[in-house]
Amino acid sequence: MKPNSSYLQKPAEVDRKWYIIDAAGKPLGRVAAAAASILRGKHLPTFTPNVDCGDFVIVINAADAVLTGNKLNQKVRYYHTGWVGGIKEIHYDKLMAENPEKAMWYAVNGMLPNNSIGRKAITRLKVYKNDAHKHEAQKPVMWTGEIK
């Protein structure tokens, strides 16, 4: 490699690791931003924008993530069923009570690019309501990066 040249990682050179992020008591958006960055591979010195070089992320205690301010009462998720007049809405107080894993998934998915790299990266996200997960065989390590 010549000096002063940029390193571009190739898809065959990607070595994926597993990280655990504990969302208990932390803002939902901050946890989602950290997870999206890891899924994308931006924490690595070998980050290449056009290569899917991210790692696996396990988010535990999603039910204990907090929404700051009045977002729990005011924030609404809209989606469309695909049928005529099929716009639906779900309020975050109901979503966090019934399915906090989906709320975390929506937040992380919104922070990933809308292309094939983002669609592949979201498949490496595993979200759990409490601290029990089934990925001990992959030997995941706790994420030590800062989540404010």
N, C-alpha and C. Protein backbone atom coordinates (compact mmCIF):
# COMPACT_ATOMS: atom_id res chain seq x y z
N MET A 1 0.83 -1.18 0.00
CA MET A 1 0.00 0.00 0.00
C MET A 1 0.88 1.24 0.00
N LYS A 2 0.56 2.18 -0.86
CA LYS A 2 1.35 3.41 -0.95
C LYS A 2 1.07 4.30 0.25
N PRO A 3 2.06 5.07 0.67
CA PRO A 3 1.80 6.03 1.75
C PRO A 3 0.80 7.10 1.28
N ASN A 4 0.05 7.63 2.23
CA ASN A 4 -0.95 8.66 2.00
C ASN A 4 -2.11 8.18 1.14
N SER A 5 -2.33 6.88 1.07
CA SER A 5 -3.48 6.39 0.32
C SER A 5 -4.58 5.97 1.31
N SER A 6 -5.79 6.02 0.83
CA SER A 6 -6.93 5.66 1.67
C SER A 6 -7.13 4.16 1.65
N TYR A 7 -7.55 3.62 2.79
CA TYR A 7 -7.84 2.19 2.88
C TYR A 7 -9.31 1.96 2.60
N LEU A 8 -9.61 1.08 1.67
CA LEU A 8 -10.98 0.71 1.36
C LEU A 8 -11.17 -0.76 1.68
N GLN A 9 -12.06 -1.03 2.62
CA GLN A 9 -12.30 -2.40 3.04
C GLN A 9 -13.12 -3.14 1.99
N LYS A 10 -12.80 -4.41 1.82
CA LYS A 10 -13.54 -5.24 0.89
C LYS A 10 -14.54 -6.11 1.66
N PRO A 11 -15.66 -6.47 1.06
CA PRO A 11 -16.67 -7.26 1.79
C PRO A 11 -16.13 -8.58 2.34
N ALA A 12 -15.17 -9.18 1.69
CA ALA A 12 -14.62 -10.45 2.18
C ALA A 12 -13.74 -10.26 3.41
N GLU A 13 -13.28 -9.04 3.66
CA GLU A 13 -12.39 -8.77 4.80
C GLU A 13 -13.15 -8.40 6.07
N VAL A 14 -14.46 -8.33 6.02
CA VAL A 14 -15.25 -7.88 7.17
C VAL A 14 -15.27 -8.97 8.25
N ASP A 15 -14.89 -8.58 9.48
CA ASP A 15 -14.93 -9.48 10.63
C ASP A 15 -15.94 -8.90 11.62
N ARG A 16 -17.07 -9.55 11.76
CA ARG A 16 -18.16 -9.01 12.58
C ARG A 16 -18.05 -9.47 14.03
N LYS A 17 -18.27 -8.51 14.93
CA LYS A 17 -18.29 -8.80 16.36
C LYS A 17 -19.71 -8.58 16.88
N TRP A 18 -19.97 -9.03 18.09
CA TRP A 18 -21.28 -8.88 18.73
C TRP A 18 -21.13 -7.94 19.92
N TYR A 19 -22.03 -6.95 20.01
CA TYR A 19 -22.03 -6.00 21.11
C TYR A 19 -23.39 -5.99 21.79
N ILE A 20 -23.38 -5.75 23.10
CA ILE A 20 -24.61 -5.62 23.87
C ILE A 20 -24.72 -4.17 24.33
N ILE A 21 -25.89 -3.58 24.13
CA ILE A 21 -26.18 -2.24 24.63
C ILE A 21 -27.32 -2.36 25.63
N ASP A 22 -27.10 -1.87 26.84
CA ASP A 22 -28.13 -1.87 27.88
C ASP A 22 -28.89 -0.55 27.82
N ALA A 23 -30.19 -0.62 27.52
CA ALA A 23 -30.99 0.59 27.34
C ALA A 23 -31.67 1.05 28.62
N ALA A 24 -31.45 0.39 29.72
CA ALA A 24 -32.14 0.72 30.97
C ALA A 24 -31.79 2.13 31.43
N GLY A 25 -32.81 2.98 31.55
CA GLY A 25 -32.63 4.32 32.05
C GLY A 25 -32.01 5.29 31.08
N LYS A 26 -31.78 4.88 29.84
CA LYS A 26 -31.17 5.76 28.85
C LYS A 26 -32.23 6.20 27.84
N PRO A 27 -32.06 7.38 27.24
CA PRO A 27 -33.03 7.84 26.24
C PRO A 27 -33.07 6.91 25.02
N LEU A 28 -34.26 6.66 24.54
CA LEU A 28 -34.47 5.76 23.41
C LEU A 28 -33.67 6.19 22.18
N GLY A 29 -33.69 7.47 21.87
CA GLY A 29 -33.00 7.96 20.68
C GLY A 29 -31.49 7.85 20.78
N ARG A 30 -30.95 8.07 21.97
CA ARG A 30 -29.49 7.97 22.15
C ARG A 30 -29.02 6.53 21.98
N VAL A 31 -29.79 5.60 22.53
CA VAL A 31 -29.45 4.18 22.38
C VAL A 31 -29.57 3.78 20.91
N ALA A 32 -30.62 4.26 20.24
CA ALA A 32 -30.81 3.94 18.83
C ALA A 32 -29.69 4.51 17.97
N ALA A 33 -29.23 5.70 18.28
CA ALA A 33 -28.14 6.31 17.52
C ALA A 33 -26.85 5.51 17.68
N ALA A 34 -26.57 5.06 18.90
CA ALA A 34 -25.37 4.25 19.13
C ALA A 34 -25.48 2.91 18.39
N ALA A 35 -26.66 2.30 18.45
CA ALA A 35 -26.85 1.02 17.77
C ALA A 35 -26.72 1.17 16.26
N ALA A 36 -27.28 2.23 15.70
CA ALA A 36 -27.20 2.46 14.26
C ALA A 36 -25.76 2.68 13.82
N SER A 37 -24.99 3.38 14.63
CA SER A 37 -23.59 3.60 14.30
C SER A 37 -22.79 2.31 14.31
N ILE A 38 -23.06 1.44 15.27
CA ILE A 38 -22.37 0.14 15.32
C ILE A 38 -22.81 -0.74 14.15
N LEU A 39 -24.11 -0.78 13.87
CA LEU A 39 -24.61 -1.58 12.75
C LEU A 39 -24.01 -1.14 11.43
N ARG A 40 -23.76 0.13 11.30
CA ARG A 40 -23.21 0.69 10.07
C ARG A 40 -21.70 0.49 9.99
N GLY A 41 -21.03 0.37 11.15
CA GLY A 41 -19.59 0.16 11.19
C GLY A 41 -18.80 1.44 11.35
N LYS A 42 -19.47 2.53 11.75
CA LYS A 42 -18.79 3.82 11.83
C LYS A 42 -17.81 3.92 13.00
N HIS A 43 -17.88 2.99 13.93
CA HIS A 43 -16.96 2.99 15.06
C HIS A 43 -15.62 2.36 14.71
N LEU A 44 -15.50 1.78 13.54
CA LEU A 44 -14.28 1.08 13.13
C LEU A 44 -13.34 1.99 12.36
N PRO A 45 -12.04 1.81 12.53
CA PRO A 45 -11.10 2.61 11.73
C PRO A 45 -11.09 2.21 10.27
N THR A 46 -11.63 1.03 9.96
CA THR A 46 -11.68 0.56 8.58
C THR A 46 -13.03 0.83 7.92
N PHE A 47 -13.80 1.79 8.44
CA PHE A 47 -15.12 2.08 7.89
C PHE A 47 -15.01 2.51 6.43
N THR A 48 -15.82 1.85 5.60
CA THR A 48 -15.90 2.19 4.19
C THR A 48 -17.38 2.43 3.87
N PRO A 49 -17.76 3.60 3.37
CA PRO A 49 -19.18 3.92 3.21
C PRO A 49 -19.95 2.99 2.28
N ASN A 50 -19.29 2.45 1.26
CA ASN A 50 -20.02 1.64 0.29
C ASN A 50 -19.94 0.15 0.57
N VAL A 51 -19.43 -0.23 1.76
CA VAL A 51 -19.34 -1.64 2.14
C VAL A 51 -20.10 -1.82 3.45
N ASP A 52 -20.85 -2.91 3.53
CA ASP A 52 -21.56 -3.24 4.77
C ASP A 52 -20.57 -3.86 5.74
N CYS A 53 -19.96 -3.01 6.58
CA CYS A 53 -18.87 -3.47 7.45
C CYS A 53 -19.22 -3.37 8.93
N GLY A 54 -20.51 -3.31 9.27
CA GLY A 54 -20.92 -3.15 10.66
C GLY A 54 -20.93 -4.44 11.44
N ASP A 55 -21.21 -4.32 12.73
CA ASP A 55 -21.23 -5.44 13.65
C ASP A 55 -22.66 -5.75 14.06
N PHE A 56 -22.82 -6.84 14.83
CA PHE A 56 -24.11 -7.22 15.38
C PHE A 56 -24.36 -6.44 16.67
N VAL A 57 -25.62 -6.10 16.94
CA VAL A 57 -25.98 -5.35 18.14
C VAL A 57 -27.14 -6.06 18.82
N ILE A 58 -26.99 -6.29 20.14
CA ILE A 58 -28.06 -6.81 20.98
C ILE A 58 -28.46 -5.70 21.94
N VAL A 59 -29.70 -5.25 21.85
CA VAL A 59 -30.20 -4.21 22.77
C VAL A 59 -31.05 -4.92 23.82
N ILE A 60 -30.64 -4.80 25.09
CA ILE A 60 -31.39 -5.42 26.18
C ILE A 60 -32.08 -4.32 26.99
N ASN A 61 -33.09 -4.72 27.75
CA ASN A 61 -33.87 -3.82 28.60
C ASN A 61 -34.53 -2.70 27.79
N ALA A 62 -35.08 -3.04 26.63
CA ALA A 62 -35.74 -2.03 25.80
C ALA A 62 -36.98 -1.45 26.49
N ALA A 63 -37.61 -2.22 27.36
CA ALA A 63 -38.79 -1.73 28.07
C ALA A 63 -38.42 -0.64 29.08
N ASP A 64 -37.16 -0.58 29.50
CA ASP A 64 -36.73 0.41 30.48
C ASP A 64 -36.13 1.66 29.84
N ALA A 65 -36.11 1.74 28.50
CA ALA A 65 -35.64 2.95 27.82
C ALA A 65 -36.65 4.07 28.07
N VAL A 66 -36.16 5.28 28.17
CA VAL A 66 -37.03 6.40 28.50
C VAL A 66 -37.19 7.32 27.29
N LEU A 67 -38.34 7.95 27.22
CA LEU A 67 -38.59 9.01 26.24
C LEU A 67 -38.62 10.31 27.01
N THR A 68 -37.73 11.23 26.68
CA THR A 68 -37.60 12.47 27.44
C THR A 68 -38.70 13.45 27.07
N GLY A 69 -38.86 14.44 27.91
CA GLY A 69 -39.87 15.47 27.68
C GLY A 69 -41.27 14.88 27.73
N ASN A 70 -42.11 15.33 26.83
CA ASN A 70 -43.49 14.85 26.78
C ASN A 70 -43.71 13.92 25.60
N LYS A 71 -42.61 13.31 25.11
CA LYS A 71 -42.72 12.46 23.92
C LYS A 71 -43.57 11.23 24.15
N LEU A 72 -43.56 10.69 25.36
CA LEU A 72 -44.35 9.50 25.63
C LEU A 72 -45.83 9.75 25.36
N ASN A 73 -46.31 10.96 25.62
CA ASN A 73 -47.72 11.28 25.41
C ASN A 73 -48.00 11.87 24.03
N GLN A 74 -47.02 12.54 23.42
CA GLN A 74 -47.28 13.26 22.18
C GLN A 74 -46.78 12.57 20.92
N LYS A 75 -45.77 11.74 21.02
CA LYS A 75 -45.17 11.13 19.83
C LYS A 75 -46.09 10.06 19.25
N VAL A 76 -46.22 10.07 17.92
CA VAL A 76 -47.12 9.15 17.23
C VAL A 76 -46.37 8.52 16.07
N ARG A 77 -46.55 7.23 15.87
CA ARG A 77 -45.97 6.51 14.73
C ARG A 77 -47.07 6.27 13.71
N TYR A 78 -46.88 6.78 12.50
CA TYR A 78 -47.85 6.59 11.42
C TYR A 78 -47.31 5.53 10.46
N TYR A 79 -48.22 4.71 9.94
CA TYR A 79 -47.85 3.75 8.90
C TYR A 79 -49.05 3.50 8.02
N HIS A 80 -48.81 2.93 6.86
CA HIS A 80 -49.87 2.70 5.89
C HIS A 80 -49.94 1.22 5.58
N THR A 81 -51.16 0.69 5.53
CA THR A 81 -51.36 -0.74 5.30
C THR A 81 -51.19 -1.14 3.84
N GLY A 82 -51.27 -0.17 2.94
CA GLY A 82 -51.20 -0.47 1.52
C GLY A 82 -52.58 -0.47 0.88
N TRP A 83 -53.61 -0.45 1.66
CA TRP A 83 -54.97 -0.38 1.15
C TRP A 83 -55.42 1.08 1.08
N VAL A 84 -56.48 1.33 0.31
CA VAL A 84 -57.02 2.67 0.19
C VAL A 84 -57.55 3.11 1.56
N GLY A 85 -57.14 4.28 2.00
CA GLY A 85 -57.56 4.79 3.30
C GLY A 85 -56.95 4.03 4.46
N GLY A 86 -55.82 3.40 4.23
CA GLY A 86 -55.23 2.53 5.24
C GLY A 86 -54.18 3.17 6.11
N ILE A 87 -54.25 4.47 6.35
CA ILE A 87 -53.28 5.10 7.24
C ILE A 87 -53.64 4.75 8.68
N LYS A 88 -52.65 4.33 9.44
CA LYS A 88 -52.84 3.93 10.83
C LYS A 88 -51.88 4.73 11.69
N GLU A 89 -52.19 4.80 12.96
CA GLU A 89 -51.32 5.49 13.90
C GLU A 89 -51.29 4.73 15.21
N ILE A 90 -50.15 4.81 15.88
CA ILE A 90 -50.04 4.22 17.22
C ILE A 90 -49.25 5.21 18.07
N HIS A 91 -49.76 5.51 19.25
CA HIS A 91 -49.12 6.44 20.17
C HIS A 91 -48.03 5.70 20.94
N TYR A 92 -46.96 6.42 21.26
CA TYR A 92 -45.80 5.80 21.88
C TYR A 92 -46.07 5.32 23.30
N ASP A 93 -47.03 5.90 24.02
CA ASP A 93 -47.33 5.38 25.34
C ASP A 93 -47.88 3.96 25.23
N LYS A 94 -48.70 3.71 24.23
CA LYS A 94 -49.23 2.36 24.00
C LYS A 94 -48.15 1.44 23.43
N LEU A 95 -47.34 1.96 22.50
CA LEU A 95 -46.28 1.15 21.88
C LEU A 95 -45.24 0.72 22.91
N MET A 96 -44.82 1.62 23.78
CA MET A 96 -43.82 1.28 24.79
C MET A 96 -44.39 0.31 25.83
N ALA A 97 -45.68 0.38 26.09
CA ALA A 97 -46.30 -0.53 27.06
C ALA A 97 -46.48 -1.93 26.47
N GLU A 98 -46.88 -2.00 25.20
CA GLU A 98 -47.19 -3.30 24.60
C GLU A 98 -46.01 -3.94 23.90
N ASN A 99 -45.20 -3.15 23.16
CA ASN A 99 -44.14 -3.74 22.36
C ASN A 99 -42.95 -2.80 22.29
N PRO A 100 -42.17 -2.68 23.37
CA PRO A 100 -41.03 -1.76 23.35
C PRO A 100 -39.93 -2.17 22.38
N GLU A 101 -39.87 -3.48 22.03
CA GLU A 101 -38.88 -3.92 21.06
C GLU A 101 -39.11 -3.26 19.71
N LYS A 102 -40.39 -3.14 19.33
CA LYS A 102 -40.73 -2.54 18.04
C LYS A 102 -40.41 -1.04 18.05
N ALA A 103 -40.62 -0.37 19.17
CA ALA A 103 -40.29 1.05 19.27
C ALA A 103 -38.79 1.27 19.07
N MET A 104 -37.97 0.41 19.67
CA MET A 104 -36.52 0.51 19.49
C MET A 104 -36.14 0.20 18.05
N TRP A 105 -36.78 -0.79 17.45
CA TRP A 105 -36.48 -1.17 16.07
C TRP A 105 -36.82 -0.02 15.12
N TYR A 106 -37.97 0.64 15.34
CA TYR A 106 -38.35 1.78 14.50
C TYR A 106 -37.31 2.90 14.60
N ALA A 107 -36.83 3.17 15.80
CA ALA A 107 -35.87 4.25 16.01
C ALA A 107 -34.55 3.95 15.31
N VAL A 108 -34.05 2.72 15.45
CA VAL A 108 -32.78 2.36 14.81
C VAL A 108 -32.94 2.34 13.30
N ASN A 109 -34.03 1.78 12.81
CA ASN A 109 -34.25 1.68 11.37
C ASN A 109 -34.33 3.06 10.72
N GLY A 110 -34.88 4.03 11.43
CA GLY A 110 -34.95 5.38 10.90
C GLY A 110 -33.61 6.07 10.81
N MET A 111 -32.61 5.56 11.52
CA MET A 111 -31.28 6.17 11.51
C MET A 111 -30.32 5.48 10.54
N LEU A 112 -30.77 4.45 9.87
CA LEU A 112 -29.95 3.75 8.89
C LEU A 112 -30.28 4.27 7.49
N PRO A 113 -29.36 4.13 6.54
CA PRO A 113 -29.65 4.62 5.19
C PRO A 113 -30.74 3.79 4.53
N ASN A 114 -31.50 4.45 3.65
CA ASN A 114 -32.59 3.79 2.95
C ASN A 114 -32.08 3.19 1.64
N ASN A 115 -31.23 2.17 1.76
CA ASN A 115 -30.71 1.48 0.59
C ASN A 115 -30.40 0.04 1.00
N SER A 116 -29.73 -0.70 0.13
CA SER A 116 -29.48 -2.11 0.41
C SER A 116 -28.56 -2.31 1.61
N ILE A 117 -27.66 -1.38 1.86
CA ILE A 117 -26.77 -1.50 3.02
C ILE A 117 -27.57 -1.34 4.31
N GLY A 118 -28.49 -0.40 4.36
CA GLY A 118 -29.33 -0.22 5.54
C GLY A 118 -30.27 -1.40 5.77
N ARG A 119 -30.82 -1.95 4.69
CA ARG A 119 -31.71 -3.11 4.83
C ARG A 119 -30.95 -4.33 5.33
N LYS A 120 -29.71 -4.49 4.93
CA LYS A 120 -28.89 -5.61 5.41
C LYS A 120 -28.45 -5.37 6.85
N ALA A 121 -28.16 -4.12 7.20
CA ALA A 121 -27.68 -3.80 8.54
C ALA A 121 -28.76 -4.03 9.59
N ILE A 122 -30.02 -3.71 9.29
CA ILE A 122 -31.09 -3.84 10.30
C ILE A 122 -31.33 -5.31 10.65
N THR A 123 -30.94 -6.24 9.79
CA THR A 123 -31.11 -7.66 10.11
C THR A 123 -30.14 -8.11 11.20
N ARG A 124 -29.10 -7.32 11.46
CA ARG A 124 -28.14 -7.68 12.52
C ARG A 124 -28.52 -7.09 13.87
N LEU A 125 -29.67 -6.44 13.97
CA LEU A 125 -30.14 -5.87 15.24
C LEU A 125 -31.04 -6.87 15.94
N LYS A 126 -30.76 -7.14 17.21
CA LYS A 126 -31.58 -8.02 18.04
C LYS A 126 -32.01 -7.21 19.26
N VAL A 127 -33.31 -7.09 19.47
CA VAL A 127 -33.84 -6.26 20.56
C VAL A 127 -34.65 -7.14 21.50
N TYR A 128 -34.40 -6.97 22.82
CA TYR A 128 -35.10 -7.76 23.84
C TYR A 128 -35.67 -6.84 24.90
N LYS A 129 -36.85 -7.19 25.39
CA LYS A 129 -37.57 -6.40 26.38
C LYS A 129 -36.83 -6.35 27.71
N ASN A 130 -36.27 -7.48 28.14
CA ASN A 130 -35.55 -7.53 29.42
C ASN A 130 -34.10 -7.90 29.17
N ASP A 131 -33.38 -8.32 30.21
CA ASP A 131 -31.95 -8.58 30.03
C ASP A 131 -31.63 -10.00 29.62
N ALA A 132 -32.63 -10.83 29.34
CA ALA A 132 -32.38 -12.19 28.88
C ALA A 132 -32.33 -12.22 27.36
N HIS A 133 -31.26 -12.78 26.82
CA HIS A 133 -31.15 -12.95 25.37
C HIS A 133 -30.57 -14.32 25.09
N LYS A 134 -30.65 -14.76 23.83
CA LYS A 134 -30.24 -16.12 23.48
C LYS A 134 -28.99 -16.15 22.62
N HIS A 135 -28.09 -15.19 22.82
CA HIS A 135 -26.90 -15.10 21.98
C HIS A 135 -25.60 -15.29 22.77
N GLU A 136 -25.64 -16.09 23.83
CA GLU A 136 -24.42 -16.31 24.62
C GLU A 136 -23.36 -17.05 23.81
N ALA A 137 -23.77 -17.88 22.86
CA ALA A 137 -22.82 -18.66 22.06
C ALA A 137 -21.95 -17.76 21.18
N GLN A 138 -22.43 -16.56 20.85
CA GLN A 138 -21.65 -15.64 20.02
C GLN A 138 -20.64 -14.83 20.84
N LYS A 139 -20.64 -15.01 22.16
CA LYS A 139 -19.72 -14.31 23.07
C LYS A 139 -19.78 -12.79 22.87
N PRO A 140 -20.95 -12.19 23.08
CA PRO A 140 -21.04 -10.73 22.91
C PRO A 140 -20.36 -10.00 24.06
N VAL A 141 -19.89 -8.80 23.78
CA VAL A 141 -19.26 -7.96 24.80
C VAL A 141 -20.11 -6.71 24.98
N MET A 142 -20.05 -6.14 26.18
CA MET A 142 -20.81 -4.93 26.47
C MET A 142 -20.19 -3.74 25.70
N TRP A 143 -21.05 -2.89 25.17
CA TRP A 143 -20.59 -1.70 24.46
C TRP A 143 -20.10 -0.70 25.48
N THR A 144 -18.85 -0.28 25.35
CA THR A 144 -18.25 0.64 26.32
C THR A 144 -18.26 2.07 25.81
N GLY A 145 -18.76 2.31 24.62
CA GLY A 145 -18.84 3.67 24.10
C GLY A 145 -19.85 4.48 24.89
N GLU A 146 -19.78 5.77 24.74
CA GLU A 146 -20.63 6.66 25.54
C GLU A 146 -22.03 6.78 24.95
N ILE A 147 -23.02 6.61 25.81
CA ILE A 147 -24.40 6.88 25.47
C ILE A 147 -24.90 7.87 26.52
N LYS A 148 -25.14 9.09 26.12
CA LYS A 148 -25.46 10.14 27.09
C LYS A 148 -26.86 10.01 27.63
